[in-house]
């Protein structure tokens, strides 16, 4: 059954960093393979997934809280370097496409 077949159902996921809920399109999905956390921007990889806002603040918070092993239900530390590279790439591209902030002069 697709989302279109359930008009009253709103799809939401929780960020493992800040624990705020958002739509899946606003979050980066990740999977784990061999102790390495891999980004899944297409939301198609098999296996258990976890979601994170593509912001370094959420990534740092998730690492500090040790949320990755808990979210993927694995023991031990996981390598999140691929996710960090994806988040940093997203931050630089979104900053480049974001319109400049306007300032209001007060007199």
C-alpha atoms as a PDB file:
ATOM      1  CA  UNK A   1       0.000   0.000   0.000  1.00  0.00           C
ATOM      2  CA  UNK A   2       1.489   3.354  -0.984  1.00  0.00           C
ATOM      3  CA  UNK A   3       1.326   6.686   0.791  1.00  0.00           C
ATOM      4  CA  UNK A   4      -1.169   7.887  -1.825  1.00  0.00           C
ATOM      5  CA  UNK A   5      -3.546   5.085  -0.838  1.00  0.00           C
ATOM      6  CA  UNK A   6      -3.539   6.311   2.775  1.00  0.00           C
ATOM      7  CA  UNK A   7      -4.357  10.019   2.552  1.00  0.00           C
ATOM      8  CA  UNK A   8      -4.678  10.490   6.333  1.00  0.00           C
ATOM      9  CA  UNK A   9      -1.308   8.890   7.122  1.00  0.00           C
ATOM     10  CA  UNK A  10       1.576  11.352   7.537  1.00  0.00           C
ATOM     11  CA  UNK A  11       5.020   9.777   7.252  1.00  0.00           C
ATOM     12  CA  UNK A  12       7.475  10.984   9.877  1.00  0.00           C
ATOM     13  CA  UNK A  13      10.849   9.795  11.096  1.00  0.00           C
ATOM     14  CA  UNK A  14      12.895  10.792  14.153  1.00  0.00           C
ATOM     15  CA  UNK A  15      16.389  12.243  13.891  1.00  0.00           C
ATOM     16  CA  UNK A  16      18.767  10.177  16.045  1.00  0.00           C
ATOM     17  CA  UNK A  17      20.716  13.344  16.893  1.00  0.00           C
ATOM     18  CA  UNK A  18      18.232  15.962  18.036  1.00  0.00           C
ATOM     19  CA  UNK A  19      15.296  13.509  18.447  1.00  0.00           C
ATOM     20  CA  UNK A  20      12.947  15.832  16.520  1.00  0.00           C
ATOM     21  CA  UNK A  21      10.453  14.375  14.057  1.00  0.00           C
ATOM     22  CA  UNK A  22      10.509  15.343  10.382  1.00  0.00           C
ATOM     23  CA  UNK A  23       9.414  14.019   7.015  1.00  0.00           C
ATOM     24  CA  UNK A  24      11.714  11.419   5.432  1.00  0.00           C
ATOM     25  CA  UNK A  25      12.632  13.891   2.685  1.00  0.00           C
ATOM     26  CA  UNK A  26      14.083  16.278   5.282  1.00  0.00           C
ATOM     27  CA  UNK A  27      16.295  13.599   6.821  1.00  0.00           C
ATOM     28  CA  UNK A  28      19.295  11.623   5.622  1.00  0.00           C
ATOM     29  CA  UNK A  29      18.743   7.863   5.828  1.00  0.00           C
ATOM     30  CA  UNK A  30      21.700   5.703   6.833  1.00  0.00           C
ATOM     31  CA  UNK A  31      22.371   1.980   6.921  1.00  0.00           C
ATOM     32  CA  UNK A  32      25.175  -0.052   8.442  1.00  0.00           C
ATOM     33  CA  UNK A  33      27.417  -2.567   6.686  1.00  0.00           C
ATOM     34  CA  UNK A  34      30.424  -4.211   8.276  1.00  0.00           C
ATOM     35  CA  UNK A  35      30.856  -1.648  11.044  1.00  0.00           C
ATOM     36  CA  UNK A  36      30.621   1.263   8.615  1.00  0.00           C
ATOM     37  CA  UNK A  37      27.644   3.619   8.597  1.00  0.00           C
ATOM     38  CA  UNK A  38      26.741   4.423   4.992  1.00  0.00           C
ATOM     39  CA  UNK A  39      24.543   7.297   3.812  1.00  0.00           C
ATOM     40  CA  UNK A  40      21.504   6.291   1.771  1.00  0.00           C
ATOM     41  CA  UNK A  41      20.227   9.497   0.126  1.00  0.00           C
ATOM     42  CA  UNK A  42      17.946   7.511  -2.212  1.00  0.00           C
ATOM     43  CA  UNK A  43      16.205   5.793   0.768  1.00  0.00           C
ATOM     44  CA  UNK A  44      16.474   2.436  -1.057  1.00  0.00           C
ATOM     45  CA  UNK A  45      19.253   0.421   0.619  1.00  0.00           C
ATOM     46  CA  UNK A  46      18.172  -2.825   2.294  1.00  0.00           C
ATOM     47  CA  UNK A  47      18.429  -3.366   6.007  1.00  0.00           C
ATOM     48  CA  UNK A  48      17.698  -1.442   9.132  1.00  0.00           C
ATOM     49  CA  UNK A  49      17.872   2.290   8.622  1.00  0.00           C
ATOM     50  CA  UNK A  50      18.286   5.303  10.859  1.00  0.00           C
ATOM     51  CA  UNK A  51      17.594   8.939  10.065  1.00  0.00           C
ATOM     52  CA  UNK A  52      19.523  12.118  10.755  1.00  0.00           C
ATOM     53  CA  UNK A  53      19.103  15.767   9.842  1.00  0.00           C
ATOM     54  CA  UNK A  54      21.874  16.643   7.359  1.00  0.00           C
ATOM     55  CA  UNK A  55      23.448  19.095   9.820  1.00  0.00           C
ATOM     56  CA  UNK A  56      26.753  18.797  11.619  1.00  0.00           C
ATOM     57  CA  UNK A  57      25.096  19.758  14.918  1.00  0.00           C
ATOM     58  CA  UNK A  58      22.781  16.730  14.745  1.00  0.00           C
ATOM     59  CA  UNK A  59      25.646  14.453  13.697  1.00  0.00           C
ATOM     60  CA  UNK A  60      27.832  15.651  16.581  1.00  0.00           C
ATOM     61  CA  UNK A  61      24.964  15.207  19.015  1.00  0.00           C
ATOM     62  CA  UNK A  62      24.273  11.674  17.757  1.00  0.00           C
ATOM     63  CA  UNK A  63      27.944  10.748  18.173  1.00  0.00           C
ATOM     64  CA  UNK A  64      28.088  12.267  21.657  1.00  0.00           C
ATOM     65  CA  UNK A  65      24.929  10.398  22.700  1.00  0.00           C
ATOM     66  CA  UNK A  66      26.269   7.135  21.160  1.00  0.00           C
ATOM     67  CA  UNK A  67      23.053   6.881  19.173  1.00  0.00           C
ATOM     68  CA  UNK A  68      24.441   5.007  16.155  1.00  0.00           C
ATOM     69  CA  UNK A  69      24.959   1.574  17.772  1.00  0.00           C
ATOM     70  CA  UNK A  70      21.615   1.887  19.532  1.00  0.00           C
ATOM     71  CA  UNK A  71      19.753   2.876  16.358  1.00  0.00           C
ATOM     72  CA  UNK A  72      21.231   0.022  14.348  1.00  0.00           C
ATOM     73  CA  UNK A  73      21.061  -2.456  17.245  1.00  0.00           C
ATOM     74  CA  UNK A  74      24.724  -3.436  17.036  1.00  0.00           C
ATOM     75  CA  UNK A  75      27.423  -3.694  19.702  1.00  0.00           C
ATOM     76  CA  UNK A  76      30.595  -1.660  19.587  1.00  0.00           C
ATOM     77  CA  UNK A  77      31.664   1.511  17.860  1.00  0.00           C
ATOM     78  CA  UNK A  78      30.726   2.332  14.266  1.00  0.00           C
ATOM     79  CA  UNK A  79      32.686   4.350  11.716  1.00  0.00           C
ATOM     80  CA  UNK A  80      30.614   7.376  10.654  1.00  0.00           C
ATOM     81  CA  UNK A  81      33.221   9.020   8.401  1.00  0.00           C
ATOM     82  CA  UNK A  82      31.161   8.447   5.231  1.00  0.00           C
ATOM     83  CA  UNK A  83      28.109  10.068   6.819  1.00  0.00           C
ATOM     84  CA  UNK A  84      30.212  12.993   8.076  1.00  0.00           C
ATOM     85  CA  UNK A  85      31.523  13.563   4.534  1.00  0.00           C
ATOM     86  CA  UNK A  86      27.956  13.474   3.160  1.00  0.00           C
ATOM     87  CA  UNK A  87      26.692  15.933   5.807  1.00  0.00           C
ATOM     88  CA  UNK A  88      29.596  18.326   5.248  1.00  0.00           C
ATOM     89  CA  UNK A  89      29.053  18.151   1.485  1.00  0.00           C
ATOM     90  CA  UNK A  90      25.366  18.923   2.000  1.00  0.00           C
ATOM     91  CA  UNK A  91      26.242  21.865   4.258  1.00  0.00           C
ATOM     92  CA  UNK A  92      28.572  23.416   1.667  1.00  0.00           C
ATOM     93  CA  UNK A  93      26.165  22.934  -1.250  1.00  0.00           C
ATOM     94  CA  UNK A  94      23.137  24.229   0.653  1.00  0.00           C
ATOM     95  CA  UNK A  95      25.121  27.271   1.824  1.00  0.00           C
ATOM     96  CA  UNK A  96      26.125  27.985  -1.777  1.00  0.00           C
ATOM     97  CA  UNK A  97      22.531  27.773  -3.045  1.00  0.00           C
ATOM     98  CA  UNK A  98      20.986  29.608  -0.093  1.00  0.00           C
ATOM     99  CA  UNK A  99      20.152  33.237  -0.811  1.00  0.00           C
ATOM    100  CA  UNK A 100      22.217  35.769   1.129  1.00  0.00           C
ATOM    101  CA  UNK A 101      20.754  37.010   4.375  1.00  0.00           C
ATOM    102  CA  UNK A 102      19.334  40.495   4.234  1.00  0.00           C
ATOM    103  CA  UNK A 103      20.053  43.016   6.938  1.00  0.00           C
ATOM    104  CA  UNK A 104      17.670  45.677   8.050  1.00  0.00           C
ATOM    105  CA  UNK A 105      19.217  49.023   8.935  1.00  0.00           C
ATOM    106  CA  UNK A 106      17.866  50.563  12.082  1.00  0.00           C
ATOM    107  CA  UNK A 107      17.993  54.310  12.567  1.00  0.00           C
END
